[in-house]
N, C-alpha and C. Protein backbone atom coordinates (compact mmCIF):
# COMPACT_ATOMS: atom_id res chain seq x y z
N UNK A 1 102.19 103.82 152.68
CA UNK A 1 101.20 103.09 152.06
C UNK A 1 100.57 103.83 150.85
N UNK A 2 100.42 105.49 151.09
CA UNK A 2 99.82 105.98 150.50
C UNK A 2 100.55 106.02 148.97
N UNK A 3 101.97 106.15 148.88
CA UNK A 3 102.54 106.03 147.66
C UNK A 3 102.35 105.02 146.96
N UNK A 4 102.30 103.89 147.67
CA UNK A 4 102.03 102.58 147.05
C UNK A 4 100.78 102.56 146.29
N UNK A 5 99.78 102.79 146.90
CA UNK A 5 98.41 103.25 146.34
C UNK A 5 98.12 104.16 145.13
N UNK A 6 98.95 105.33 145.41
CA UNK A 6 98.88 106.28 144.27
C UNK A 6 99.59 105.66 143.02
N UNK A 7 100.94 105.01 143.38
CA UNK A 7 101.57 104.47 142.19
C UNK A 7 100.72 103.24 141.19
N UNK A 8 100.09 102.70 142.28
CA UNK A 8 99.09 101.47 141.87
C UNK A 8 97.86 102.00 141.01
N UNK A 9 97.53 102.92 141.35
CA UNK A 9 96.39 103.74 140.92
C UNK A 9 96.80 104.42 139.49
N UNK A 10 97.92 104.88 139.41
CA UNK A 10 98.46 105.50 138.17
C UNK A 10 98.97 104.34 137.06
N UNK A 11 99.29 103.28 137.68
CA UNK A 11 99.74 102.23 136.60
C UNK A 11 98.40 101.42 136.12
N UNK A 12 97.06 101.46 136.96
CA UNK A 12 96.11 101.02 136.56
C UNK A 12 95.56 101.90 135.39
N UNK A 13 95.69 103.28 135.83
CA UNK A 13 95.11 104.41 134.80
C UNK A 13 95.75 103.90 133.41
N UNK A 14 97.19 104.25 133.48
CA UNK A 14 97.86 103.75 132.16
C UNK A 14 97.33 102.44 131.35
N UNK A 15 97.35 101.64 132.32
CA UNK A 15 96.92 100.33 131.51
C UNK A 15 95.55 100.57 130.88
N UNK A 16 94.66 100.91 131.61
CA UNK A 16 93.19 101.16 131.10
C UNK A 16 93.24 102.07 129.70
N UNK A 17 94.12 103.00 129.70
CA UNK A 17 94.06 103.85 128.69
C UNK A 17 94.86 103.25 127.57
N UNK A 18 95.78 102.61 127.58
CA UNK A 18 96.42 101.75 126.50
C UNK A 18 95.58 100.57 125.99
N UNK A 19 94.33 100.23 126.68
CA UNK A 19 93.56 99.26 126.19
C UNK A 19 92.61 99.71 125.62
N UNK A 20 92.06 101.19 125.63
CA UNK A 20 91.00 101.67 124.85
C UNK A 20 91.22 101.21 123.44
N UNK A 21 90.27 100.95 122.54
CA UNK A 21 90.50 100.74 121.20
C UNK A 21 90.02 101.94 120.30
N UNK A 22 91.16 102.81 120.26
CA UNK A 22 90.95 104.06 119.57
C UNK A 22 90.92 103.89 118.03
N UNK A 23 91.50 102.78 117.54
CA UNK A 23 91.40 102.38 116.08
C UNK A 23 90.10 101.94 115.80
N UNK A 24 89.37 101.51 116.64
CA UNK A 24 88.03 100.83 116.32
C UNK A 24 87.19 102.13 115.89
N UNK A 25 87.31 103.30 116.58
CA UNK A 25 86.40 104.47 116.33
C UNK A 25 86.70 104.74 115.02
N UNK A 26 88.01 104.87 114.41
CA UNK A 26 88.46 105.42 113.06
C UNK A 26 87.92 104.09 112.13
N UNK A 27 87.95 102.94 112.49
CA UNK A 27 87.66 102.26 111.48
C UNK A 27 86.00 102.29 111.52
N UNK A 28 85.45 102.18 112.30
CA UNK A 28 83.87 102.36 112.25
C UNK A 28 83.56 103.72 111.44
N UNK A 29 84.26 104.65 111.32
CA UNK A 29 84.03 105.68 110.74
C UNK A 29 84.26 105.48 109.19
N UNK A 30 85.41 104.99 109.13
CA UNK A 30 86.01 104.62 107.70
C UNK A 30 84.79 103.70 106.89
N UNK A 31 84.38 102.66 107.82
CA UNK A 31 83.22 101.90 107.22
C UNK A 31 81.88 102.45 106.70
N UNK A 32 81.53 103.33 107.58
CA UNK A 32 80.56 104.20 107.56
C UNK A 32 80.57 105.09 106.30
N UNK A 33 81.72 105.65 106.16
CA UNK A 33 82.16 106.52 104.74
C UNK A 33 82.07 105.83 103.53
N UNK A 34 82.81 104.36 103.77
CA UNK A 34 82.61 103.60 102.39
C UNK A 34 81.33 103.32 102.27
N UNK A 35 80.28 103.05 103.04
CA UNK A 35 79.06 102.63 102.72
C UNK A 35 78.22 103.86 102.25
N UNK A 36 78.49 104.86 102.78
CA UNK A 36 78.07 106.27 102.29
C UNK A 36 78.22 106.40 100.81
N UNK A 37 79.51 106.34 100.47
CA UNK A 37 80.03 106.47 99.05
C UNK A 37 79.24 105.60 98.09
N UNK A 38 79.54 104.08 98.35
CA UNK A 38 78.87 102.95 97.69
C UNK A 38 77.26 103.39 97.49
N UNK A 39 76.46 103.81 98.52
CA UNK A 39 75.00 104.16 98.37
C UNK A 39 74.68 105.37 97.54
N UNK A 40 75.51 106.70 97.59
CA UNK A 40 75.15 107.65 97.19
C UNK A 40 75.90 108.01 95.79
N UNK A 41 77.08 107.65 95.75
CA UNK A 41 78.14 108.08 94.72
C UNK A 41 77.83 107.31 93.54
N UNK A 42 77.67 107.54 92.33
CA UNK A 42 77.54 106.57 91.23
C UNK A 42 79.02 106.40 90.68
N UNK A 43 79.26 105.05 90.32
CA UNK A 43 80.55 105.02 89.79
C UNK A 43 80.75 105.41 88.36
N UNK A 44 81.74 105.80 88.10
CA UNK A 44 82.25 106.29 86.40
C UNK A 44 81.95 105.30 85.55
N UNK A 45 81.17 105.50 84.81
CA UNK A 45 81.14 104.37 83.75
C UNK A 45 81.48 104.84 82.39
N UNK A 46 82.06 106.02 82.51
CA UNK A 46 82.06 106.69 81.13
C UNK A 46 83.24 105.99 80.22
N UNK A 47 82.68 105.66 78.85
CA UNK A 47 83.65 105.04 78.03
C UNK A 47 83.85 103.66 78.43
N UNK A 48 83.12 102.82 79.09
CA UNK A 48 83.30 101.49 79.03
C UNK A 48 82.73 100.80 78.19
N UNK A 49 81.95 101.42 77.37
CA UNK A 49 81.63 100.53 76.03
C UNK A 49 82.18 100.81 74.71
N UNK A 50 83.29 101.65 74.78
CA UNK A 50 84.12 101.92 73.47
C UNK A 50 84.66 100.66 72.97
N UNK A 51 85.22 99.84 73.62
CA UNK A 51 85.61 98.84 72.94
C UNK A 51 84.74 97.81 72.27
N UNK A 52 83.61 97.69 72.88
CA UNK A 52 82.49 96.84 72.24
C UNK A 52 82.05 97.84 70.90
N UNK A 53 81.81 99.06 71.22
CA UNK A 53 81.23 100.08 69.99
C UNK A 53 82.36 99.92 68.87
N UNK A 54 83.48 99.87 69.20
CA UNK A 54 84.65 99.79 68.05
C UNK A 54 84.50 98.45 67.37
N UNK A 55 84.44 97.30 68.15
CA UNK A 55 84.51 96.11 67.50
C UNK A 55 83.26 96.20 66.53
N UNK A 56 81.97 96.28 67.22
CA UNK A 56 80.83 96.36 66.10
C UNK A 56 81.11 97.36 65.15
N UNK A 57 81.80 98.49 65.21
CA UNK A 57 81.85 99.37 64.04
C UNK A 57 82.86 98.62 63.00
N UNK A 58 83.93 98.09 63.23
CA UNK A 58 84.89 97.48 62.18
C UNK A 58 84.67 96.27 61.94
N UNK A 59 84.11 95.35 62.83
CA UNK A 59 83.51 93.80 62.14
C UNK A 59 84.54 92.80 62.81
N UNK A 60 84.25 91.67 62.91
CA UNK A 60 85.23 90.70 63.72
C UNK A 60 86.34 90.68 63.38
N UNK A 61 86.45 90.50 62.05
CA UNK A 61 87.82 90.38 61.44
C UNK A 61 89.05 91.45 61.78
N UNK A 62 88.56 92.66 61.47
CA UNK A 62 88.99 93.81 61.55
C UNK A 62 89.49 93.79 63.12
N UNK A 63 88.53 93.52 64.07
CA UNK A 63 88.77 93.82 65.42
C UNK A 63 89.70 92.86 65.88
N UNK A 64 90.03 91.79 65.43
CA UNK A 64 91.15 90.82 65.82
C UNK A 64 92.52 91.33 65.33
N UNK A 65 92.65 92.31 64.46
CA UNK A 65 93.98 92.92 63.92
C UNK A 65 94.01 94.00 64.44
N UNK A 66 93.55 94.61 65.42
CA UNK A 66 93.65 95.88 66.01
C UNK A 66 93.51 95.83 67.33
N UNK A 67 94.02 96.84 68.28
CA UNK A 67 93.98 97.04 69.67
C UNK A 67 94.04 98.51 69.84
N UNK A 68 93.00 99.01 70.78
CA UNK A 68 92.71 99.97 71.38
C UNK A 68 93.80 100.18 72.28
N UNK A 69 94.60 101.43 72.06
CA UNK A 69 95.62 101.81 72.83
C UNK A 69 95.41 102.80 73.66
N UNK A 70 94.86 103.90 73.64
CA UNK A 70 94.18 104.98 74.49
C UNK A 70 92.95 105.85 74.07
N UNK A 71 92.51 106.42 74.95
CA UNK A 71 91.41 107.23 74.48
C UNK A 71 91.47 108.51 75.52
N UNK A 72 92.17 109.73 74.80
CA UNK A 72 92.67 110.87 75.41
C UNK A 72 91.95 112.14 74.88
N UNK A 73 91.07 112.86 75.45
CA UNK A 73 90.57 114.01 75.01
C UNK A 73 89.95 114.05 73.83
N UNK A 74 89.26 112.97 73.52
CA UNK A 74 88.65 112.61 72.17
C UNK A 74 89.22 111.93 71.05
N UNK A 75 90.47 111.61 71.33
CA UNK A 75 91.42 110.95 70.35
C UNK A 75 91.52 109.45 70.63
N UNK A 76 91.04 108.64 69.87
CA UNK A 76 90.99 107.04 69.96
C UNK A 76 92.38 106.85 69.49
N UNK A 77 93.39 106.31 69.91
CA UNK A 77 94.43 105.70 69.53
C UNK A 77 94.55 104.35 69.11
N UNK A 78 94.60 103.51 68.26
CA UNK A 78 94.47 102.17 67.77
C UNK A 78 95.78 101.64 67.17
N UNK A 79 96.24 100.59 67.59
CA UNK A 79 97.26 99.86 66.96
C UNK A 79 96.73 99.16 65.78
N UNK A 80 97.24 99.27 64.73
CA UNK A 80 96.41 98.02 63.61
C UNK A 80 97.80 97.39 63.15
N UNK A 81 97.59 96.23 62.47
CA UNK A 81 98.48 95.31 61.96
C UNK A 81 98.74 95.87 60.40
N UNK A 82 99.86 96.00 60.28
CA UNK A 82 100.16 96.63 59.00
C UNK A 82 99.79 95.78 57.62
N UNK A 83 99.93 96.61 56.65
CA UNK A 83 99.37 95.93 55.20
C UNK A 83 97.95 96.13 55.22
N UNK A 84 97.16 95.24 54.70
CA UNK A 84 95.75 95.49 54.23
C UNK A 84 95.00 96.21 55.19
N UNK A 85 95.05 95.66 56.52
CA UNK A 85 94.38 96.26 57.50
C UNK A 85 94.42 97.59 57.74
N UNK A 86 95.54 97.98 57.91
CA UNK A 86 96.03 99.53 58.01
C UNK A 86 95.15 100.46 56.77
N UNK A 87 95.28 99.85 55.69
CA UNK A 87 94.58 100.52 54.55
C UNK A 87 93.18 100.50 54.75
N UNK A 88 92.54 99.35 55.12
CA UNK A 88 91.06 99.44 55.39
C UNK A 88 90.65 100.03 56.60
N UNK A 89 91.47 100.29 57.20
CA UNK A 89 91.09 101.17 58.72
C UNK A 89 91.11 102.63 58.11
N UNK A 90 91.95 103.14 57.42
CA UNK A 90 92.12 104.43 56.80
C UNK A 90 91.00 104.78 56.12
N UNK A 91 90.50 103.84 55.39
CA UNK A 91 89.40 103.97 54.37
C UNK A 91 87.98 104.24 55.01
N UNK A 92 87.86 103.63 56.32
CA UNK A 92 86.78 103.76 56.92
C UNK A 92 86.51 104.46 58.17
N UNK A 93 87.65 105.27 58.33
CA UNK A 93 87.65 106.07 59.78
C UNK A 93 86.41 106.93 59.99
N UNK A 94 86.04 107.58 58.75
CA UNK A 94 84.90 108.55 59.23
C UNK A 94 83.51 107.58 59.71
N UNK A 95 83.50 106.57 58.87
CA UNK A 95 82.38 105.45 59.33
C UNK A 95 82.35 105.17 60.61
N UNK A 96 83.65 104.72 60.94
CA UNK A 96 84.01 104.21 62.36
C UNK A 96 83.50 105.17 63.32
N UNK A 97 84.14 106.51 63.36
CA UNK A 97 83.85 107.35 64.17
C UNK A 97 82.29 107.80 64.27
N UNK A 98 81.60 107.63 63.19
CA UNK A 98 80.16 107.97 63.50
C UNK A 98 79.45 106.83 63.91
N UNK A 99 79.78 105.59 63.79
CA UNK A 99 79.28 104.31 64.36
C UNK A 99 79.70 104.44 65.91
N UNK A 100 80.68 104.93 66.40
CA UNK A 100 81.10 104.66 67.86
C UNK A 100 80.26 105.89 68.45
N UNK A 101 80.26 107.05 68.05
CA UNK A 101 79.44 108.09 68.40
C UNK A 101 78.08 107.90 68.45
N UNK A 102 77.55 107.21 67.56
CA UNK A 102 76.19 106.83 67.83
C UNK A 102 75.57 105.86 68.86
N UNK A 103 76.63 105.06 68.96
CA UNK A 103 76.50 103.78 70.05
C UNK A 103 77.07 104.16 71.34
N UNK A 104 77.91 105.19 71.58
CA UNK A 104 78.64 105.54 72.75
C UNK A 104 78.68 106.91 72.82
N UNK A 105 77.79 107.89 72.76
CA UNK A 105 77.86 109.32 72.69
C UNK A 105 78.78 110.15 73.86
N UNK A 106 78.64 109.30 74.89
CA UNK A 106 79.58 110.07 76.30
C UNK A 106 80.96 109.85 75.88
N UNK A 107 81.54 108.87 75.02
CA UNK A 107 83.01 108.90 74.69
C UNK A 107 83.61 110.05 74.10
N UNK A 108 82.79 111.09 73.42
CA UNK A 108 83.22 112.08 72.85
C UNK A 108 84.47 112.15 71.88
N UNK A 109 84.45 110.71 71.23
CA UNK A 109 85.51 110.69 70.20
C UNK A 109 85.39 111.72 69.01
N UNK A 110 86.40 112.21 68.57
CA UNK A 110 86.48 113.27 67.50
C UNK A 110 87.21 112.86 66.43
N UNK A 111 88.19 112.05 66.75
CA UNK A 111 89.22 111.65 66.04
C UNK A 111 89.96 110.14 66.20
N UNK A 112 90.49 109.57 65.22
CA UNK A 112 91.02 108.29 65.47
C UNK A 112 92.63 108.18 64.59
N UNK A 113 93.41 108.01 65.41
CA UNK A 113 94.82 107.89 65.15
C UNK A 113 95.21 106.60 65.11
N UNK A 114 95.80 105.83 64.06
CA UNK A 114 96.12 104.79 63.57
C UNK A 114 97.86 104.58 64.02
N UNK A 115 98.14 103.43 64.64
CA UNK A 115 99.54 103.13 65.10
C UNK A 115 99.77 102.00 64.17
N UNK A 116 100.83 101.74 63.81
CA UNK A 116 101.20 100.65 63.28
C UNK A 116 101.97 99.58 64.15
N UNK A 117 101.45 98.55 64.29
CA UNK A 117 101.93 97.55 65.17
C UNK A 117 102.83 96.65 64.32
N UNK A 118 104.01 96.09 65.24
CA UNK A 118 104.96 95.61 64.22
C UNK A 118 105.29 94.26 64.82
């Protein structure tokens, strides 16, 4: 009978070990970590106003014929409709950069490259 009791006790111990919610502890720690990040860390909002600053700098009509492609290391790449819009953008590049820098200094835009959209 002692063997049967030992086997039954071992089976009960294995069952108890399997039922322990180990993942709950990890989920709790992950949830606490997420709350800590949301509470303490500030989200990066750098360059979030560049499209608006660009639209303000070029005007509504020009903004409708341009599309910002990327902003990498201070270079703003813009796709522009060909023809008079491309010419007008080339003539205003210096003013546009100054206006964007004044409105959004964290963008660090130093130059604008124009790309022809087809």
